[in-house]
Amino acid sequence: MALNLPFARGRQDSKEESIGIEPHVRSMIDGDGAVLLDLKAGRYYSLNGVAAGIWSRVEKGLTLPQILDELRQTYQVPAERLQADLAAFVRAMEEKGLLRVHA
């Protein structure tokens, strides 16, 4: 089943789509959220608890569909909303050069 994620870049099947953290990014996650350090740009970013949860799943090596499935189990919101929020987060992190999405 293709998830038709907005960040699938036009591919028909996003099952194998994975996400990775750029090598110049460091993170520290705690119960309240996370702090990211972009060593290349010399910038810090603060993530709330939900975003930190996504980040930790990326660190574990989960694919985008796996992350979406876990979010569905964790949060009681419509699947379309989770999908849109995950896509927006990934897009923002890609634009900042912190994450990369690849097949």
N, C-alpha and C. Protein backbone atom coordinates (compact mmCIF):
# COMPACT_ATOMS: atom_id res chain seq x y z
N MET A 1 0.83 -1.18 0.00
CA MET A 1 0.00 0.00 0.00
C MET A 1 0.88 1.25 0.00
N ALA A 2 0.73 2.09 -0.99
CA ALA A 2 1.46 3.36 -1.04
C ALA A 2 0.76 4.35 -0.12
N LEU A 3 1.55 5.08 0.64
CA LEU A 3 0.97 6.04 1.58
C LEU A 3 0.67 7.38 0.93
N ASN A 4 1.21 7.61 -0.27
CA ASN A 4 0.98 8.86 -0.98
C ASN A 4 1.35 10.06 -0.12
N LEU A 5 2.53 9.99 0.49
CA LEU A 5 3.00 11.10 1.31
C LEU A 5 3.36 12.27 0.42
N PRO A 6 3.04 13.49 0.83
CA PRO A 6 3.32 14.65 0.00
C PRO A 6 4.80 14.81 -0.33
N PHE A 7 5.70 14.28 0.49
CA PHE A 7 7.11 14.43 0.22
C PHE A 7 7.68 13.24 -0.54
N ALA A 8 6.81 12.43 -1.12
CA ALA A 8 7.26 11.27 -1.88
C ALA A 8 7.82 11.65 -3.24
N ARG A 9 7.79 12.93 -3.56
CA ARG A 9 8.39 13.44 -4.79
C ARG A 9 7.90 12.73 -6.04
N GLY A 10 6.62 12.45 -6.07
CA GLY A 10 6.02 11.90 -7.26
C GLY A 10 6.20 10.40 -7.45
N ARG A 11 6.87 9.72 -6.58
CA ARG A 11 7.04 8.27 -6.72
C ARG A 11 5.70 7.59 -6.45
N GLN A 12 5.46 6.51 -7.15
CA GLN A 12 4.21 5.77 -7.01
C GLN A 12 4.13 5.04 -5.68
N ASP A 13 5.25 4.55 -5.18
CA ASP A 13 5.23 3.71 -3.99
C ASP A 13 6.26 4.23 -3.00
N SER A 14 5.81 4.68 -1.84
CA SER A 14 6.72 5.26 -0.85
C SER A 14 7.13 4.25 0.22
N LYS A 15 6.87 2.95 0.01
CA LYS A 15 7.19 1.95 1.03
C LYS A 15 8.64 1.97 1.43
N GLU A 16 9.52 2.15 0.46
CA GLU A 16 10.95 2.08 0.73
C GLU A 16 11.54 3.45 1.06
N GLU A 17 10.73 4.48 1.05
CA GLU A 17 11.25 5.82 1.28
C GLU A 17 11.76 5.94 2.72
N SER A 18 13.00 6.33 2.83
CA SER A 18 13.60 6.46 4.15
C SER A 18 14.07 7.89 4.35
N ILE A 19 14.46 8.15 5.55
CA ILE A 19 14.87 9.50 5.93
C ILE A 19 16.13 9.38 6.75
N GLY A 20 17.04 10.32 6.56
CA GLY A 20 18.28 10.28 7.31
C GLY A 20 18.67 11.65 7.84
N ILE A 21 19.44 11.63 8.89
CA ILE A 21 19.95 12.85 9.50
C ILE A 21 21.27 13.20 8.83
N GLU A 22 21.43 14.44 8.47
CA GLU A 22 22.68 14.88 7.85
C GLU A 22 23.82 14.70 8.86
N PRO A 23 25.00 14.35 8.37
CA PRO A 23 26.11 14.03 9.29
C PRO A 23 26.59 15.20 10.15
N HIS A 24 26.29 16.43 9.75
CA HIS A 24 26.74 17.60 10.51
C HIS A 24 25.74 18.03 11.59
N VAL A 25 24.73 17.18 11.86
CA VAL A 25 23.70 17.53 12.84
C VAL A 25 23.85 16.65 14.08
N ARG A 26 23.80 17.27 15.24
CA ARG A 26 23.83 16.58 16.53
C ARG A 26 22.52 16.87 17.25
N SER A 27 22.10 15.94 18.07
CA SER A 27 20.84 16.16 18.79
C SER A 27 20.94 15.67 20.22
N MET A 28 20.09 16.27 21.05
CA MET A 28 19.92 15.84 22.43
C MET A 28 18.42 15.85 22.70
N ILE A 29 17.90 14.68 23.07
CA ILE A 29 16.46 14.54 23.30
C ILE A 29 16.22 14.23 24.77
N ASP A 30 15.23 14.91 25.34
CA ASP A 30 14.81 14.58 26.70
C ASP A 30 13.29 14.53 26.74
N GLY A 31 12.72 14.42 27.90
CA GLY A 31 11.28 14.28 28.03
C GLY A 31 10.47 15.48 27.57
N ASP A 32 11.09 16.65 27.48
CA ASP A 32 10.37 17.86 27.09
C ASP A 32 10.49 18.20 25.61
N GLY A 33 11.45 17.61 24.92
CA GLY A 33 11.66 17.94 23.51
C GLY A 33 13.08 17.59 23.10
N ALA A 34 13.61 18.37 22.20
CA ALA A 34 14.96 18.11 21.71
C ALA A 34 15.63 19.42 21.30
N VAL A 35 16.94 19.37 21.30
CA VAL A 35 17.75 20.47 20.79
C VAL A 35 18.63 19.88 19.69
N LEU A 36 18.63 20.54 18.54
CA LEU A 36 19.46 20.13 17.42
C LEU A 36 20.55 21.16 17.21
N LEU A 37 21.73 20.70 16.90
CA LEU A 37 22.85 21.59 16.59
C LEU A 37 23.30 21.29 15.17
N ASP A 38 23.24 22.31 14.33
CA ASP A 38 23.74 22.21 12.96
C ASP A 38 25.17 22.74 12.99
N LEU A 39 26.13 21.83 13.01
CA LEU A 39 27.54 22.22 13.10
C LEU A 39 27.99 23.00 11.88
N LYS A 40 27.41 22.71 10.73
CA LYS A 40 27.78 23.37 9.48
C LYS A 40 27.36 24.84 9.49
N ALA A 41 26.13 25.09 9.93
CA ALA A 41 25.60 26.46 9.94
C ALA A 41 25.83 27.18 11.26
N GLY A 42 26.21 26.42 12.30
CA GLY A 42 26.40 27.03 13.61
C GLY A 42 25.09 27.48 14.24
N ARG A 43 24.03 26.72 14.02
CA ARG A 43 22.71 27.09 14.55
C ARG A 43 22.15 25.99 15.46
N TYR A 44 21.36 26.42 16.42
CA TYR A 44 20.61 25.51 17.30
C TYR A 44 19.14 25.57 16.92
N TYR A 45 18.47 24.45 17.07
CA TYR A 45 17.03 24.39 16.86
C TYR A 45 16.42 23.67 18.04
N SER A 46 15.26 24.14 18.46
CA SER A 46 14.53 23.53 19.57
C SER A 46 13.29 22.85 19.01
N LEU A 47 13.06 21.60 19.42
CA LEU A 47 11.88 20.85 18.97
C LEU A 47 10.96 20.58 20.15
N ASN A 48 9.66 20.69 19.91
CA ASN A 48 8.71 20.35 20.96
C ASN A 48 8.64 18.82 21.09
N GLY A 49 7.82 18.34 22.00
CA GLY A 49 7.75 16.91 22.28
C GLY A 49 7.36 16.06 21.09
N VAL A 50 6.39 16.52 20.30
CA VAL A 50 5.94 15.76 19.14
C VAL A 50 7.05 15.70 18.09
N ALA A 51 7.66 16.84 17.79
CA ALA A 51 8.75 16.88 16.82
C ALA A 51 9.94 16.05 17.29
N ALA A 52 10.21 16.09 18.59
CA ALA A 52 11.30 15.27 19.15
C ALA A 52 11.00 13.79 18.97
N GLY A 53 9.73 13.43 19.10
CA GLY A 53 9.33 12.04 18.87
C GLY A 53 9.57 11.60 17.44
N ILE A 54 9.28 12.48 16.51
CA ILE A 54 9.57 12.18 15.11
C ILE A 54 11.08 12.05 14.91
N TRP A 55 11.82 13.00 15.47
CA TRP A 55 13.28 12.98 15.32
C TRP A 55 13.88 11.69 15.88
N SER A 56 13.40 11.26 17.04
CA SER A 56 13.94 10.04 17.64
C SER A 56 13.65 8.82 16.77
N ARG A 57 12.51 8.81 16.10
CA ARG A 57 12.19 7.71 15.19
C ARG A 57 13.11 7.73 13.97
N VAL A 58 13.46 8.92 13.51
CA VAL A 58 14.43 9.04 12.41
C VAL A 58 15.77 8.49 12.87
N GLU A 59 16.18 8.85 14.09
CA GLU A 59 17.45 8.34 14.63
C GLU A 59 17.47 6.81 14.70
N LYS A 60 16.31 6.21 14.95
CA LYS A 60 16.22 4.75 15.03
C LYS A 60 16.26 4.09 13.66
N GLY A 61 16.19 4.90 12.59
CA GLY A 61 16.26 4.36 11.25
C GLY A 61 14.93 3.94 10.66
N LEU A 62 13.82 4.41 11.25
CA LEU A 62 12.52 4.07 10.71
C LEU A 62 12.29 4.78 9.38
N THR A 63 11.55 4.13 8.49
CA THR A 63 11.18 4.75 7.22
C THR A 63 10.02 5.70 7.47
N LEU A 64 9.73 6.54 6.49
CA LEU A 64 8.62 7.47 6.64
C LEU A 64 7.29 6.76 6.87
N PRO A 65 6.98 5.70 6.12
CA PRO A 65 5.73 5.00 6.42
C PRO A 65 5.70 4.40 7.84
N GLN A 66 6.84 3.91 8.32
CA GLN A 66 6.89 3.36 9.68
C GLN A 66 6.67 4.46 10.72
N ILE A 67 7.26 5.62 10.47
CA ILE A 67 7.06 6.76 11.38
C ILE A 67 5.59 7.14 11.41
N LEU A 68 4.98 7.22 10.24
CA LEU A 68 3.57 7.56 10.17
C LEU A 68 2.72 6.53 10.91
N ASP A 69 3.01 5.26 10.75
CA ASP A 69 2.27 4.21 11.45
C ASP A 69 2.41 4.36 12.96
N GLU A 70 3.61 4.64 13.45
CA GLU A 70 3.80 4.82 14.90
C GLU A 70 3.06 6.05 15.41
N LEU A 71 3.07 7.12 14.62
CA LEU A 71 2.35 8.32 15.02
C LEU A 71 0.86 8.05 15.12
N ARG A 72 0.34 7.25 14.19
CA ARG A 72 -1.09 6.90 14.23
C ARG A 72 -1.43 6.15 15.51
N GLN A 73 -0.51 5.32 15.99
CA GLN A 73 -0.75 4.56 17.21
C GLN A 73 -0.61 5.43 18.46
N THR A 74 0.18 6.48 18.36
CA THR A 74 0.47 7.33 19.52
C THR A 74 -0.54 8.46 19.70
N TYR A 75 -0.95 9.08 18.59
CA TYR A 75 -1.81 10.27 18.67
C TYR A 75 -3.18 9.97 18.10
N GLN A 76 -4.19 10.41 18.79
CA GLN A 76 -5.57 10.19 18.39
C GLN A 76 -6.07 11.37 17.55
N VAL A 77 -5.49 11.52 16.37
CA VAL A 77 -5.92 12.56 15.43
C VAL A 77 -6.12 11.91 14.07
N PRO A 78 -6.86 12.54 13.18
CA PRO A 78 -7.09 11.95 11.86
C PRO A 78 -5.78 11.68 11.11
N ALA A 79 -5.76 10.57 10.38
CA ALA A 79 -4.56 10.16 9.64
C ALA A 79 -4.09 11.24 8.67
N GLU A 80 -5.03 11.93 8.05
CA GLU A 80 -4.67 12.99 7.10
C GLU A 80 -3.91 14.11 7.78
N ARG A 81 -4.31 14.42 9.00
CA ARG A 81 -3.64 15.47 9.78
C ARG A 81 -2.22 15.04 10.13
N LEU A 82 -2.06 13.79 10.59
CA LEU A 82 -0.73 13.28 10.91
C LEU A 82 0.17 13.30 9.68
N GLN A 83 -0.38 12.86 8.56
CA GLN A 83 0.38 12.82 7.32
C GLN A 83 0.83 14.22 6.92
N ALA A 84 -0.08 15.19 7.00
CA ALA A 84 0.25 16.56 6.64
C ALA A 84 1.29 17.15 7.60
N ASP A 85 1.13 16.89 8.89
CA ASP A 85 2.07 17.42 9.88
C ASP A 85 3.45 16.79 9.72
N LEU A 86 3.50 15.49 9.47
CA LEU A 86 4.78 14.82 9.25
C LEU A 86 5.45 15.37 8.00
N ALA A 87 4.68 15.56 6.94
CA ALA A 87 5.23 16.10 5.70
C ALA A 87 5.79 17.50 5.91
N ALA A 88 5.06 18.33 6.65
CA ALA A 88 5.51 19.70 6.91
C ALA A 88 6.80 19.70 7.73
N PHE A 89 6.87 18.83 8.74
CA PHE A 89 8.08 18.74 9.56
C PHE A 89 9.28 18.32 8.72
N VAL A 90 9.10 17.26 7.94
CA VAL A 90 10.20 16.76 7.12
C VAL A 90 10.63 17.81 6.11
N ARG A 91 9.68 18.46 5.47
CA ARG A 91 10.00 19.50 4.49
C ARG A 91 10.81 20.63 5.14
N ALA A 92 10.38 21.06 6.32
CA ALA A 92 11.09 22.14 7.03
C ALA A 92 12.51 21.72 7.39
N MET A 93 12.66 20.49 7.87
CA MET A 93 13.99 20.01 8.25
C MET A 93 14.89 19.82 7.01
N GLU A 94 14.31 19.41 5.90
CA GLU A 94 15.07 19.30 4.64
C GLU A 94 15.53 20.69 4.18
N GLU A 95 14.65 21.66 4.24
CA GLU A 95 14.98 23.02 3.81
C GLU A 95 16.10 23.62 4.67
N LYS A 96 16.15 23.23 5.93
CA LYS A 96 17.22 23.72 6.82
C LYS A 96 18.49 22.91 6.67
N GLY A 97 18.44 21.83 5.88
CA GLY A 97 19.61 21.00 5.65
C GLY A 97 19.91 20.04 6.80
N LEU A 98 18.89 19.69 7.57
CA LEU A 98 19.07 18.82 8.73
C LEU A 98 18.72 17.36 8.43
N LEU A 99 17.78 17.14 7.52
CA LEU A 99 17.35 15.80 7.13
C LEU A 99 17.42 15.65 5.62
N ARG A 100 17.47 14.38 5.18
CA ARG A 100 17.37 14.09 3.75
C ARG A 100 16.45 12.89 3.57
N VAL A 101 15.62 12.95 2.54
CA VAL A 101 14.70 11.87 2.21
C VAL A 101 15.24 11.20 0.95
N HIS A 102 15.27 9.87 0.96
CA HIS A 102 15.75 9.14 -0.20
C HIS A 102 15.00 7.82 -0.33
N ALA A 103 15.03 7.30 -1.56
CA ALA A 103 14.33 6.03 -1.83
C ALA A 103 15.23 4.87 -1.48
